[in-house]
Amino acid sequence: MTYTECLPYEIEKTARLLQISAKYTFNKKIKCDITHDEFVILDTLINKPGISQSDLSKLVLKGRSHTSKILSSLEKKKYITRTQSTKNGKMIYLMNITDAGLKLYEEVKGYLNDIIVLWEKKFENTSNLINELRRIQKLMLESVGDISLE
């Protein structure tokens, strides 16, 4: 078996294809003024209120500088606000979603829910697949430790 035939590569290839598909959906189908990465950040902020920028970077699998650029874009579009705070004597940014950001998020989420329903009809046992992928992720993190994306 070659590397390009092994499980890690097949998962990487699948993830890349899904990422390309998501970007295409945002650029060509939804036609809104946010990107896929910006939507992921909004989704994370809604589900993890009060999260620091550093923790956000880890959750969305982006480097801190890339996350900062996405947050700046969302702030410029008035979908979020960032306020400085301190935690353990260090300066941190806390993000809050504006009313405009929440409205856009709900619109995009509604459209994406329709797409998710279609995907779930194409695949059997999606919850089992998701659970298995999470198990693989946990095993990978246990074997390599905390991964820095910088």
C-alpha atoms as a PDB file:
ATOM      1  CA  MET A   1       0.000   0.000   0.000  1.00  0.00           C
ATOM      2  CA  THR A   2       1.302   3.446  -0.867  1.00  0.00           C
ATOM      3  CA  TYR A   3       0.910   6.539   1.277  1.00  0.00           C
ATOM      4  CA  THR A   4      -1.686   7.963  -1.125  1.00  0.00           C
ATOM      5  CA  GLU A   5      -3.777   4.830  -0.561  1.00  0.00           C
ATOM      6  CA  CYS A   6      -3.666   4.924   3.252  1.00  0.00           C
ATOM      7  CA  LEU A   7      -6.370   6.149   5.625  1.00  0.00           C
ATOM      8  CA  PRO A   8      -4.732   9.462   6.674  1.00  0.00           C
ATOM      9  CA  TYR A   9      -4.266  10.539   3.064  1.00  0.00           C
ATOM     10  CA  GLU A  10      -7.816   9.534   2.098  1.00  0.00           C
ATOM     11  CA  ILE A  11      -9.167  11.557   5.034  1.00  0.00           C
ATOM     12  CA  GLU A  12      -6.982  14.529   4.047  1.00  0.00           C
ATOM     13  CA  LYS A  13      -8.148  14.292   0.441  1.00  0.00           C
ATOM     14  CA  THR A  14     -11.795  14.078   1.513  1.00  0.00           C
ATOM     15  CA  ALA A  15     -11.393  17.056   3.849  1.00  0.00           C
ATOM     16  CA  ARG A  16      -9.799  19.097   1.070  1.00  0.00           C
ATOM     17  CA  LEU A  17     -12.613  18.246  -1.359  1.00  0.00           C
ATOM     18  CA  LEU A  18     -15.208  19.197   1.259  1.00  0.00           C
ATOM     19  CA  GLN A  19     -13.391  22.472   1.869  1.00  0.00           C
ATOM     20  CA  ILE A  20     -13.355  23.274  -1.861  1.00  0.00           C
ATOM     21  CA  SER A  21     -17.051  22.406  -2.059  1.00  0.00           C
ATOM     22  CA  ALA A  22     -17.859  24.666   0.911  1.00  0.00           C
ATOM     23  CA  LYS A  23     -15.946  27.591  -0.616  1.00  0.00           C
ATOM     24  CA  TYR A  24     -17.743  27.036  -3.926  1.00  0.00           C
ATOM     25  CA  THR A  25     -21.093  27.015  -2.116  1.00  0.00           C
ATOM     26  CA  PHE A  26     -20.339  30.339  -0.439  1.00  0.00           C
ATOM     27  CA  ASN A  27     -18.956  31.970  -3.588  1.00  0.00           C
ATOM     28  CA  LYS A  28     -21.445  30.716  -6.176  1.00  0.00           C
ATOM     29  CA  LYS A  29     -24.604  29.482  -4.455  1.00  0.00           C
ATOM     30  CA  ILE A  30     -25.198  31.584  -1.349  1.00  0.00           C
ATOM     31  CA  LYS A  31     -23.792  34.816  -2.800  1.00  0.00           C
ATOM     32  CA  CYS A  32     -23.460  36.609   0.520  1.00  0.00           C
ATOM     33  CA  ASP A  33     -20.688  38.932   1.584  1.00  0.00           C
ATOM     34  CA  ILE A  34     -18.915  36.506   3.893  1.00  0.00           C
ATOM     35  CA  THR A  35     -16.582  33.646   3.148  1.00  0.00           C
ATOM     36  CA  HIS A  36     -16.761  30.096   4.392  1.00  0.00           C
ATOM     37  CA  ASP A  37     -13.978  30.845   6.905  1.00  0.00           C
ATOM     38  CA  GLU A  38     -15.871  33.892   8.180  1.00  0.00           C
ATOM     39  CA  PHE A  39     -19.029  31.821   8.630  1.00  0.00           C
ATOM     40  CA  VAL A  40     -17.093  29.176  10.588  1.00  0.00           C
ATOM     41  CA  ILE A  41     -15.805  31.936  12.878  1.00  0.00           C
ATOM     42  CA  LEU A  42     -19.343  33.340  13.375  1.00  0.00           C
ATOM     43  CA  ASP A  43     -20.662  29.850  14.085  1.00  0.00           C
ATOM     44  CA  THR A  44     -17.931  29.242  16.642  1.00  0.00           C
ATOM     45  CA  LEU A  45     -18.476  32.622  18.328  1.00  0.00           C
ATOM     46  CA  ILE A  46     -22.204  31.936  18.642  1.00  0.00           C
ATOM     47  CA  ASN A  47     -21.604  28.496  20.122  1.00  0.00           C
ATOM     48  CA  LYS A  48     -18.658  29.541  22.323  1.00  0.00           C
ATOM     49  CA  PRO A  49     -19.464  33.046  23.595  1.00  0.00           C
ATOM     50  CA  GLY A  50     -16.631  34.820  25.391  1.00  0.00           C
ATOM     51  CA  ILE A  51     -13.941  32.737  23.709  1.00  0.00           C
ATOM     52  CA  SER A  52     -10.501  34.317  23.386  1.00  0.00           C
ATOM     53  CA  GLN A  53      -8.911  34.866  19.999  1.00  0.00           C
ATOM     54  CA  SER A  54      -6.197  32.337  20.823  1.00  0.00           C
ATOM     55  CA  ASP A  55      -8.706  29.614  21.723  1.00  0.00           C
ATOM     56  CA  LEU A  56     -10.782  30.499  18.673  1.00  0.00           C
ATOM     57  CA  SER A  57      -7.739  29.934  16.444  1.00  0.00           C
ATOM     58  CA  LYS A  58      -7.327  26.432  17.828  1.00  0.00           C
ATOM     59  CA  LEU A  59     -11.004  25.557  17.383  1.00  0.00           C
ATOM     60  CA  VAL A  60     -11.182  26.707  13.755  1.00  0.00           C
ATOM     61  CA  LEU A  61      -7.816  25.133  12.883  1.00  0.00           C
ATOM     62  CA  LYS A  62      -6.256  28.387  11.725  1.00  0.00           C
ATOM     63  CA  GLY A  63      -3.106  30.159  12.801  1.00  0.00           C
ATOM     64  CA  ARG A  64      -3.508  33.182  15.055  1.00  0.00           C
ATOM     65  CA  SER A  65      -2.514  35.645  12.326  1.00  0.00           C
ATOM     66  CA  HIS A  66      -4.976  34.089   9.836  1.00  0.00           C
ATOM     67  CA  THR A  67      -7.721  34.155  12.469  1.00  0.00           C
ATOM     68  CA  SER A  68      -6.908  37.791  13.190  1.00  0.00           C
ATOM     69  CA  LYS A  69      -7.306  38.676   9.488  1.00  0.00           C
ATOM     70  CA  ILE A  70     -10.692  36.932   9.356  1.00  0.00           C
ATOM     71  CA  LEU A  71     -11.813  38.722  12.528  1.00  0.00           C
ATOM     72  CA  SER A  72     -10.662  42.072  11.108  1.00  0.00           C
ATOM     73  CA  SER A  73     -12.719  41.423   7.983  1.00  0.00           C
ATOM     74  CA  LEU A  74     -15.800  40.554  10.045  1.00  0.00           C
ATOM     75  CA  GLU A  75     -15.265  43.632  12.193  1.00  0.00           C
ATOM     76  CA  LYS A  76     -14.894  45.860   9.105  1.00  0.00           C
ATOM     77  CA  LYS A  77     -18.185  44.442   7.788  1.00  0.00           C
ATOM     78  CA  LYS A  78     -19.729  45.224  11.207  1.00  0.00           C
ATOM     79  CA  TYR A  79     -20.647  41.595  11.918  1.00  0.00           C
ATOM     80  CA  ILE A  80     -18.576  41.445  15.106  1.00  0.00           C
ATOM     81  CA  THR A  81     -17.000  43.758  17.636  1.00  0.00           C
ATOM     82  CA  ARG A  82     -13.724  43.102  19.413  1.00  0.00           C
ATOM     83  CA  THR A  83     -12.975  44.480  22.832  1.00  0.00           C
ATOM     84  CA  GLN A  84      -9.732  44.344  24.726  1.00  0.00           C
ATOM     85  CA  SER A  85      -9.695  42.657  28.075  1.00  0.00           C
ATOM     86  CA  THR A  86      -7.134  41.044  30.358  1.00  0.00           C
ATOM     87  CA  LYS A  87      -6.857  37.467  31.477  1.00  0.00           C
ATOM     88  CA  ASN A  88      -4.164  36.328  33.887  1.00  0.00           C
ATOM     89  CA  GLY A  89      -2.403  39.656  33.370  1.00  0.00           C
ATOM     90  CA  LYS A  90      -2.336  39.293  29.565  1.00  0.00           C
ATOM     91  CA  MET A  91      -4.208  41.412  27.062  1.00  0.00           C
ATOM     92  CA  ILE A  92      -6.791  39.428  25.102  1.00  0.00           C
ATOM     93  CA  TYR A  93      -9.566  40.225  22.651  1.00  0.00           C
ATOM     94  CA  LEU A  94     -13.135  39.173  23.278  1.00  0.00           C
ATOM     95  CA  MET A  95     -15.446  39.010  20.280  1.00  0.00           C
ATOM     96  CA  ASN A  96     -19.166  39.705  20.198  1.00  0.00           C
ATOM     97  CA  ILE A  97     -21.543  39.251  17.300  1.00  0.00           C
ATOM     98  CA  THR A  98     -23.538  42.318  16.284  1.00  0.00           C
ATOM     99  CA  ASP A  99     -27.225  42.244  15.383  1.00  0.00           C
ATOM    100  CA  ALA A 100     -26.244  42.463  11.697  1.00  0.00           C
ATOM    101  CA  GLY A 101     -23.873  39.529  12.159  1.00  0.00           C
ATOM    102  CA  LEU A 102     -26.532  37.459  13.873  1.00  0.00           C
ATOM    103  CA  LYS A 103     -29.060  38.225  11.138  1.00  0.00           C
ATOM    104  CA  LEU A 104     -26.615  37.221   8.391  1.00  0.00           C
ATOM    105  CA  TYR A 105     -25.606  34.099  10.318  1.00  0.00           C
ATOM    106  CA  GLU A 106     -29.244  32.964  10.603  1.00  0.00           C
ATOM    107  CA  GLU A 107     -29.849  33.538   6.880  1.00  0.00           C
ATOM    108  CA  VAL A 108     -26.759  31.578   5.835  1.00  0.00           C
ATOM    109  CA  LYS A 109     -27.429  28.861   8.412  1.00  0.00           C
ATOM    110  CA  GLY A 110     -30.912  28.343   6.979  1.00  0.00           C
ATOM    111  CA  TYR A 111     -29.500  27.836   3.512  1.00  0.00           C
ATOM    112  CA  LEU A 112     -26.763  25.523   4.805  1.00  0.00           C
ATOM    113  CA  ASN A 113     -29.289  23.435   6.748  1.00  0.00           C
ATOM    114  CA  ASP A 114     -31.014  22.641   3.447  1.00  0.00           C
ATOM    115  CA  ILE A 115     -27.677  21.496   2.012  1.00  0.00           C
ATOM    116  CA  ILE A 116     -26.925  19.411   5.116  1.00  0.00           C
ATOM    117  CA  VAL A 117     -30.292  17.649   4.799  1.00  0.00           C
ATOM    118  CA  LEU A 118     -29.461  16.773   1.179  1.00  0.00           C
ATOM    119  CA  TRP A 119     -26.052  15.419   2.228  1.00  0.00           C
ATOM    120  CA  GLU A 120     -27.574  13.327   4.986  1.00  0.00           C
ATOM    121  CA  LYS A 121     -29.962  11.769   2.473  1.00  0.00           C
ATOM    122  CA  LYS A 122     -26.983  10.743   0.313  1.00  0.00           C
ATOM    123  CA  PHE A 123     -25.073   9.107   3.166  1.00  0.00           C
ATOM    124  CA  GLU A 124     -26.265   6.471   5.544  1.00  0.00           C
ATOM    125  CA  ASN A 125     -25.425   6.770   9.232  1.00  0.00           C
ATOM    126  CA  THR A 126     -23.839  10.230   9.114  1.00  0.00           C
ATOM    127  CA  SER A 127     -23.863  10.405  12.910  1.00  0.00           C
ATOM    128  CA  ASN A 128     -21.804   7.195  13.058  1.00  0.00           C
ATOM    129  CA  LEU A 129     -19.356   8.626  10.526  1.00  0.00           C
ATOM    130  CA  ILE A 130     -19.037  11.865  12.498  1.00  0.00           C
ATOM    131  CA  ASN A 131     -18.440   9.913  15.718  1.00  0.00           C
ATOM    132  CA  GLU A 132     -15.770   7.811  14.027  1.00  0.00           C
ATOM    133  CA  LEU A 133     -14.045  10.919  12.634  1.00  0.00           C
ATOM    134  CA  ARG A 134     -14.040  12.479  16.120  1.00  0.00           C
ATOM    135  CA  ARG A 135     -12.530   9.288  17.509  1.00  0.00           C
ATOM    136  CA  ILE A 136      -9.785   9.454  14.863  1.00  0.00           C
ATOM    137  CA  GLN A 137      -9.157  13.115  15.704  1.00  0.00           C
ATOM    138  CA  LYS A 138      -8.833  12.277  19.397  1.00  0.00           C
ATOM    139  CA  LEU A 139      -6.416   9.430  18.663  1.00  0.00           C
ATOM    140  CA  MET A 140      -4.325  11.696  16.445  1.00  0.00           C
ATOM    141  CA  LEU A 141      -4.131  14.413  19.092  1.00  0.00           C
ATOM    142  CA  GLU A 142      -3.177  11.834  21.722  1.00  0.00           C
ATOM    143  CA  SER A 143      -0.364  10.556  19.526  1.00  0.00           C
ATOM    144  CA  VAL A 144       1.100  13.926  18.479  1.00  0.00           C
ATOM    145  CA  GLY A 145       0.112  16.168  21.383  1.00  0.00           C
ATOM    146  CA  ASP A 146      -1.060  19.773  21.136  1.00  0.00           C
ATOM    147  CA  ILE A 147      -0.549  20.877  17.551  1.00  0.00           C
ATOM    148  CA  SER A 148       0.431  24.456  16.843  1.00  0.00           C
ATOM    149  CA  LEU A 149      -0.832  25.818  13.538  1.00  0.00           C
ATOM    150  CA  GLU A 150       1.708  28.682  13.418  1.00  0.00           C
END
